[in-house]
Amino acid sequence: MSGQREPLSALIQTAGVQLPPAPAAVAAQGVPGAYSHRACTQLWPQCRPQFYRQFDDVFAAVESGRATVGVLPIENSTEGSVLPVYRLLGLHRLYIVDTTQVAVEHCLLGLPGAALDAVAEVYSHPQALGQCRRFFEEHPHLHPHEYSNTAAAAEMVAAGGDQSIAAIASEVCAELYGLSVLRRGVQDQGRNRTRFIAVMAQPVIAPTADRVSVCAVLPHVQGSLFRFLAQFESQGLNLQKIESRPIPDRDFEFLFYLDFSGNLRQPGLADFLDQLQKSCEYLQFLGNYPDRGHPL
């Protein structure tokens, strides 16, 4: 990664202050009925999302201008971080501008007339499969298979005509694709939620923004991580999350993703970001946005 040396405070000064009340185009991964679909309509109730097959395609749609904003899952309360999205945030220059939380209740969906005992193969997104480990342990005859999206898996089952194949997806998908609910609530945790982020090509820092995300590459020397983290304590800032991912082509060196509390329009906080930048080999500002849930 090339070192970024333009002060980040200059970027903060150019950030917008208000999200579009009705974006011209919203991009999301999956197909209608996906949990990302619900996230989009929680953020913008009247929007009609454009759906893309892969997370990469959502980033590309926003970067190209085909979409004003992209909506992506970032972490789940059971399975943790959605690592492919973190990787893409580090590779691209898009900014987190808002968040929402979606209540996730997974159902086992099959063709009409299918029976749970007759199902052998189950398809869903890897995160969804990981959230249902106990269900698979209790039903060893079911063999999980990864698919691009929960709703896309439901769509595939509906089109396939094979009663031995099922999907794990939402009950909404059963209604959309004409499937039967073979078992409700197959996730391990009753209170299962996924946090989604909205990303745009230009940063927006609303007055209500209270969470900052950055990613950093630190000097590969003893004590660099300790000294880096100590700067947050010295400023009285609450570190809300830290995630590390390997840097390609650099053996056992890591890119750190961090979330901390604050609004960068507060006096001194943008200057702190500049100071933080000086202690890094590389620092990328990912966004300053409201850390809010949604009535579930």
Protein backbone atom coordinates (compact mmCIF):
# COMPACT_ATOMS: atom_id res chain seq x y z
CA MET A 1 0.00 0.00 0.00
CA SER A 2 1.24 3.44 -0.81
CA GLY A 3 1.56 5.90 2.02
CA GLN A 4 -1.14 8.55 2.17
CA ARG A 5 0.31 11.82 3.37
CA GLU A 6 -2.32 14.45 2.51
CA PRO A 7 -3.84 15.46 5.88
CA LEU A 8 -7.13 13.71 6.42
CA SER A 9 -8.54 16.86 8.03
CA ALA A 10 -8.65 18.37 4.51
CA LEU A 11 -10.94 15.55 3.39
CA ILE A 12 -13.15 16.03 6.45
CA GLN A 13 -13.64 19.72 5.58
CA THR A 14 -15.07 18.78 2.16
CA ALA A 15 -17.52 16.18 3.52
CA GLY A 16 -21.23 16.71 3.09
CA VAL A 17 -23.52 17.21 6.08
CA GLN A 18 -26.74 15.52 4.96
CA LEU A 19 -27.62 12.18 3.40
CA PRO A 20 -29.85 12.18 0.32
CA PRO A 21 -33.44 11.75 1.57
CA ALA A 22 -34.22 9.59 -1.48
CA PRO A 23 -31.14 8.33 -3.36
CA ALA A 24 -31.54 8.06 -7.11
CA ALA A 25 -30.27 4.47 -7.08
CA VAL A 26 -29.45 2.08 -4.23
CA ALA A 27 -27.25 -0.96 -4.89
CA ALA A 28 -27.34 -4.15 -2.79
CA GLN A 29 -26.03 -7.69 -3.05
CA GLY A 30 -28.48 -10.52 -3.65
CA VAL A 31 -32.01 -10.67 -5.04
CA PRO A 32 -35.40 -9.40 -3.83
CA GLY A 33 -36.20 -10.75 -0.38
CA ALA A 34 -32.59 -10.75 0.82
CA TYR A 35 -31.84 -9.29 4.24
CA SER A 36 -29.98 -6.53 2.38
CA HIS A 37 -33.32 -5.67 0.73
CA ARG A 38 -34.83 -5.02 4.15
CA ALA A 39 -31.79 -2.97 5.17
CA CYS A 40 -32.28 -0.75 2.12
CA THR A 41 -35.94 -0.10 2.86
CA GLN A 42 -35.23 0.56 6.54
CA LEU A 43 -32.83 3.32 5.46
CA TRP A 44 -35.00 4.60 2.59
CA PRO A 45 -38.56 3.19 2.77
CA GLN A 46 -39.50 4.11 -0.81
CA CYS A 47 -36.33 2.88 -2.52
CA ARG A 48 -36.30 0.08 -5.09
CA PRO A 49 -32.80 -1.41 -4.88
CA GLN A 50 -30.69 -2.53 -7.80
CA PHE A 51 -29.41 -6.03 -6.99
CA TYR A 52 -25.96 -7.36 -7.81
CA ARG A 53 -24.50 -10.85 -7.52
CA GLN A 54 -21.33 -10.07 -5.55
CA PHE A 55 -20.23 -7.53 -2.92
CA ASP A 56 -17.56 -6.38 -5.40
CA ASP A 57 -20.32 -5.48 -7.87
CA VAL A 58 -21.98 -3.19 -5.32
CA PHE A 59 -18.72 -1.29 -4.81
CA ALA A 60 -18.24 -1.05 -8.59
CA ALA A 61 -21.80 0.27 -9.07
CA VAL A 62 -21.23 3.11 -6.59
CA GLU A 63 -17.76 3.95 -7.93
CA SER A 64 -19.04 4.10 -11.51
CA GLY A 65 -22.02 6.30 -10.62
CA ARG A 66 -24.60 3.67 -11.59
CA ALA A 67 -25.74 3.80 -7.96
CA THR A 68 -25.74 6.71 -5.52
CA VAL A 69 -25.30 4.49 -2.49
CA GLY A 70 -24.51 0.84 -1.74
CA VAL A 71 -25.84 -1.17 1.21
CA LEU A 72 -23.73 -4.03 2.56
CA PRO A 73 -23.63 -6.28 5.65
CA ILE A 74 -20.65 -5.55 7.90
CA GLU A 75 -21.16 -7.73 11.00
CA ASN A 76 -23.54 -10.18 12.59
CA SER A 77 -24.25 -10.57 16.30
CA THR A 78 -23.63 -14.34 16.10
CA GLU A 79 -20.95 -14.82 13.42
CA GLY A 80 -19.08 -11.52 13.76
CA SER A 81 -17.50 -9.54 10.92
CA VAL A 82 -18.37 -10.03 7.25
CA LEU A 83 -14.72 -10.23 6.23
CA PRO A 84 -15.14 -9.87 2.42
CA VAL A 85 -16.79 -6.48 2.97
CA TYR A 86 -13.97 -5.36 5.27
CA ARG A 87 -11.46 -6.38 2.59
CA LEU A 88 -13.31 -4.35 -0.04
CA LEU A 89 -13.49 -1.28 2.21
CA GLY A 90 -9.69 -1.37 2.38
CA LEU A 91 -9.32 -1.73 -1.39
CA HIS A 92 -11.78 0.95 -2.50
CA ARG A 93 -12.33 4.65 -1.79
CA LEU A 94 -15.92 4.61 -0.66
CA TYR A 95 -17.16 6.06 2.62
CA ILE A 96 -19.56 4.72 5.24
CA VAL A 97 -22.33 7.30 5.67
CA ASP A 98 -25.03 5.46 7.63
CA THR A 99 -25.94 2.15 9.29
CA THR A 100 -28.97 0.11 10.19
CA GLN A 101 -29.59 -3.19 11.97
CA VAL A 102 -31.78 -5.98 10.64
CA ALA A 103 -33.35 -8.70 12.79
CA VAL A 104 -32.42 -12.04 11.23
CA GLU A 105 -34.71 -15.05 11.62
CA HIS A 106 -33.65 -17.88 9.35
CA CYS A 107 -36.10 -20.46 8.05
CA LEU A 108 -35.53 -23.74 6.24
CA LEU A 109 -37.41 -23.38 2.97
CA GLY A 110 -38.33 -26.18 0.57
CA LEU A 111 -40.64 -26.88 -2.33
CA PRO A 112 -44.35 -27.28 -1.55
CA GLY A 113 -44.92 -30.83 -0.36
CA ALA A 114 -41.31 -31.34 0.74
CA ALA A 115 -40.63 -32.92 4.13
CA LEU A 116 -37.71 -32.13 6.42
CA ASP A 117 -36.71 -35.82 6.62
CA ALA A 118 -36.50 -36.02 2.82
CA VAL A 119 -34.25 -32.98 2.42
CA ALA A 120 -30.54 -33.75 1.95
CA GLU A 121 -28.84 -30.61 0.64
CA VAL A 122 -29.22 -27.11 2.10
CA TYR A 123 -27.96 -23.93 0.40
CA SER A 124 -27.38 -20.48 1.85
CA HIS A 125 -24.85 -17.69 2.32
CA PRO A 126 -21.81 -18.76 4.41
CA GLN A 127 -22.72 -16.32 7.18
CA ALA A 128 -26.23 -17.74 7.41
CA LEU A 129 -24.93 -21.31 7.50
CA GLY A 130 -22.54 -20.32 10.28
CA GLN A 131 -25.44 -18.87 12.27
CA CYS A 132 -27.26 -22.22 12.12
CA ARG A 133 -24.57 -24.67 13.26
CA ARG A 134 -26.69 -26.19 16.03
CA PHE A 135 -29.50 -26.95 13.59
CA PHE A 136 -27.12 -28.89 11.35
CA GLU A 137 -25.70 -30.75 14.35
CA GLU A 138 -29.22 -31.78 15.33
CA HIS A 139 -30.01 -32.87 11.76
CA PRO A 140 -26.88 -34.67 10.51
CA HIS A 141 -28.63 -35.86 7.34
CA LEU A 142 -28.62 -32.23 6.11
CA HIS A 143 -25.50 -31.20 4.18
CA PRO A 144 -24.84 -27.42 4.03
CA HIS A 145 -23.59 -25.77 0.83
CA GLU A 146 -22.46 -22.17 0.39
CA TYR A 147 -24.40 -19.94 -1.99
CA SER A 148 -24.02 -16.29 -2.96
CA ASN A 149 -27.00 -15.03 -0.94
CA THR A 150 -29.83 -16.34 1.24
CA ALA A 151 -32.57 -15.09 -1.09
CA ALA A 152 -30.67 -16.24 -4.19
CA ALA A 153 -30.52 -19.71 -2.63
CA ALA A 154 -34.29 -19.63 -2.14
CA GLU A 155 -34.78 -18.54 -5.75
CA MET A 156 -32.55 -21.42 -6.92
CA VAL A 157 -34.49 -23.99 -4.88
CA ALA A 158 -37.79 -22.71 -6.30
CA ALA A 159 -36.50 -22.98 -9.86
CA GLY A 160 -34.90 -26.40 -9.39
CA GLY A 161 -37.97 -28.55 -8.74
CA ASP A 162 -36.05 -30.97 -6.47
CA GLN A 163 -37.70 -31.67 -3.10
CA SER A 164 -34.41 -32.97 -1.64
CA ILE A 165 -32.91 -29.47 -1.86
CA ALA A 166 -33.73 -26.63 0.55
CA ALA A 167 -32.50 -23.14 1.39
CA ILE A 168 -31.96 -21.18 4.58
CA ALA A 169 -33.47 -17.73 4.11
CA SER A 170 -36.16 -15.43 5.51
CA GLU A 171 -39.87 -16.20 5.60
CA VAL A 172 -40.34 -13.32 3.15
CA CYS A 173 -38.44 -15.42 0.58
CA ALA A 174 -40.97 -18.25 0.99
CA GLU A 175 -43.73 -15.83 0.00
CA LEU A 176 -41.74 -14.32 -2.87
CA TYR A 177 -40.59 -17.59 -4.43
CA GLY A 178 -43.52 -19.90 -3.63
CA LEU A 179 -41.72 -22.09 -1.10
CA SER A 180 -42.88 -23.79 2.07
CA VAL A 181 -41.43 -23.10 5.52
CA LEU A 182 -40.14 -26.47 6.76
CA ARG A 183 -38.75 -25.07 10.01
CA ARG A 184 -38.73 -21.55 11.49
CA GLY A 185 -36.04 -20.01 13.67
CA VAL A 186 -33.17 -22.34 12.75
CA GLN A 187 -30.49 -19.83 13.79
CA ASP A 188 -28.49 -20.57 16.95
CA GLN A 189 -29.35 -17.31 18.74
CA GLY A 190 -32.86 -16.00 19.20
CA ARG A 191 -31.68 -12.38 19.11
CA ASN A 192 -29.75 -12.56 15.86
CA ARG A 193 -29.01 -9.24 14.12
CA THR A 194 -26.90 -8.04 11.22
CA ARG A 195 -25.53 -4.51 10.98
CA PHE A 196 -25.54 -3.03 7.48
CA ILE A 197 -23.58 -0.03 6.24
CA ALA A 198 -24.43 2.46 3.51
CA VAL A 199 -21.46 3.59 1.39
CA MET A 200 -21.08 6.51 -1.01
CA ALA A 201 -18.37 7.90 -3.26
CA GLN A 202 -18.11 11.10 -1.18
CA PRO A 203 -18.03 11.31 2.62
CA VAL A 204 -21.01 12.64 4.54
CA ILE A 205 -20.67 13.58 8.21
CA ALA A 206 -24.10 14.30 9.63
CA PRO A 207 -24.52 16.24 12.89
CA THR A 208 -25.69 12.97 14.47
CA ALA A 209 -22.57 11.03 13.39
CA ASP A 210 -20.97 9.40 16.42
CA ARG A 211 -18.82 6.54 15.09
CA VAL A 212 -15.60 6.83 13.07
CA SER A 213 -14.07 4.00 11.02
CA VAL A 214 -10.48 3.92 9.76
CA CYS A 215 -8.03 1.30 8.54
CA ALA A 216 -4.30 1.51 9.21
CA VAL A 217 -1.01 -0.13 8.37
CA LEU A 218 1.49 0.32 11.19
CA PRO A 219 5.30 0.25 11.11
CA HIS A 220 6.41 -3.35 11.49
CA VAL A 221 8.44 -2.66 14.62
CA GLN A 222 8.12 -3.59 18.28
CA GLY A 223 5.49 -1.62 20.21
CA SER A 224 3.91 0.14 17.22
CA LEU A 225 0.40 -1.24 17.89
CA PHE A 226 0.63 -0.36 21.60
CA ARG A 227 1.70 3.23 20.85
CA PHE A 228 -1.00 3.56 18.19
CA LEU A 229 -3.80 2.41 20.51
CA ALA A 230 -2.52 4.50 23.42
CA GLN A 231 -3.31 7.66 21.43
CA PHE A 232 -7.04 6.89 21.67
CA GLU A 233 -6.85 6.56 25.44
CA SER A 234 -4.94 9.81 25.74
CA GLN A 235 -7.77 11.58 23.88
CA GLY A 236 -10.49 9.90 25.96
CA LEU A 237 -11.91 8.15 22.90
CA ASN A 238 -13.79 4.88 23.17
CA LEU A 239 -12.45 2.20 20.81
CA GLN A 240 -15.52 0.24 19.77
CA LYS A 241 -13.95 -2.36 17.50
CA ILE A 242 -10.61 -3.54 16.14
CA GLU A 243 -10.24 -6.09 13.34
CA SER A 244 -7.03 -7.26 11.66
CA ARG A 245 -6.62 -8.76 8.21
CA PRO A 246 -3.43 -10.02 6.49
CA ILE A 247 -1.82 -7.73 3.92
CA PRO A 248 -1.37 -9.60 0.62
CA ASP A 249 2.29 -10.25 -0.36
CA ARG A 250 3.56 -9.17 3.07
CA ASP A 251 4.24 -12.14 5.33
CA PHE A 252 2.39 -11.90 8.66
CA GLU A 253 1.81 -8.16 8.45
CA PHE A 254 -1.66 -6.83 9.01
CA LEU A 255 -4.14 -4.13 8.09
CA PHE A 256 -6.06 -2.95 11.15
CA TYR A 257 -9.68 -1.78 10.97
CA LEU A 258 -10.79 0.36 13.91
CA ASP A 259 -14.04 1.99 14.99
CA PHE A 260 -14.06 4.67 17.67
CA SER A 261 -16.61 7.11 19.06
CA GLY A 262 -16.84 10.73 18.00
CA ASN A 263 -17.88 13.29 15.41
CA LEU A 264 -14.97 14.64 13.37
CA ARG A 265 -16.57 18.08 13.26
CA GLN A 266 -15.98 18.36 16.99
CA PRO A 267 -13.07 20.72 17.80
CA GLY A 268 -9.74 18.95 17.69
CA LEU A 269 -10.91 15.54 16.50
CA ALA A 270 -9.96 16.01 12.84
CA ASP A 271 -6.56 17.24 14.02
CA PHE A 272 -6.26 14.07 16.10
CA LEU A 273 -6.85 12.06 12.92
CA ASP A 274 -3.95 13.93 11.29
CA GLN A 275 -1.75 13.13 14.28
CA LEU A 276 -2.81 9.51 14.13
CA GLN A 277 -1.91 9.44 10.46
CA LYS A 278 1.67 10.51 11.20
CA SER A 279 2.19 7.45 13.40
CA CYS A 280 1.11 5.06 10.62
CA GLU A 281 2.63 3.76 7.46
CA TYR A 282 -0.83 4.24 5.96
CA LEU A 283 -4.17 5.49 7.30
CA GLN A 284 -7.45 5.43 5.36
CA PHE A 285 -10.57 7.24 6.55
CA LEU A 286 -13.59 4.98 6.02
CA GLY A 287 -16.38 7.18 7.37
CA ASN A 288 -18.03 9.02 10.26
CA TYR A 289 -21.66 8.07 10.60
CA PRO A 290 -24.56 7.54 13.03
CA ASP A 291 -24.15 4.32 15.01
CA ARG A 292 -27.79 3.47 15.23
CA GLY A 293 -29.96 0.43 15.18
CA HIS A 294 -33.55 0.18 14.07
CA PRO A 295 -36.72 -0.77 15.92
CA LEU A 296 -36.80 -4.56 15.59
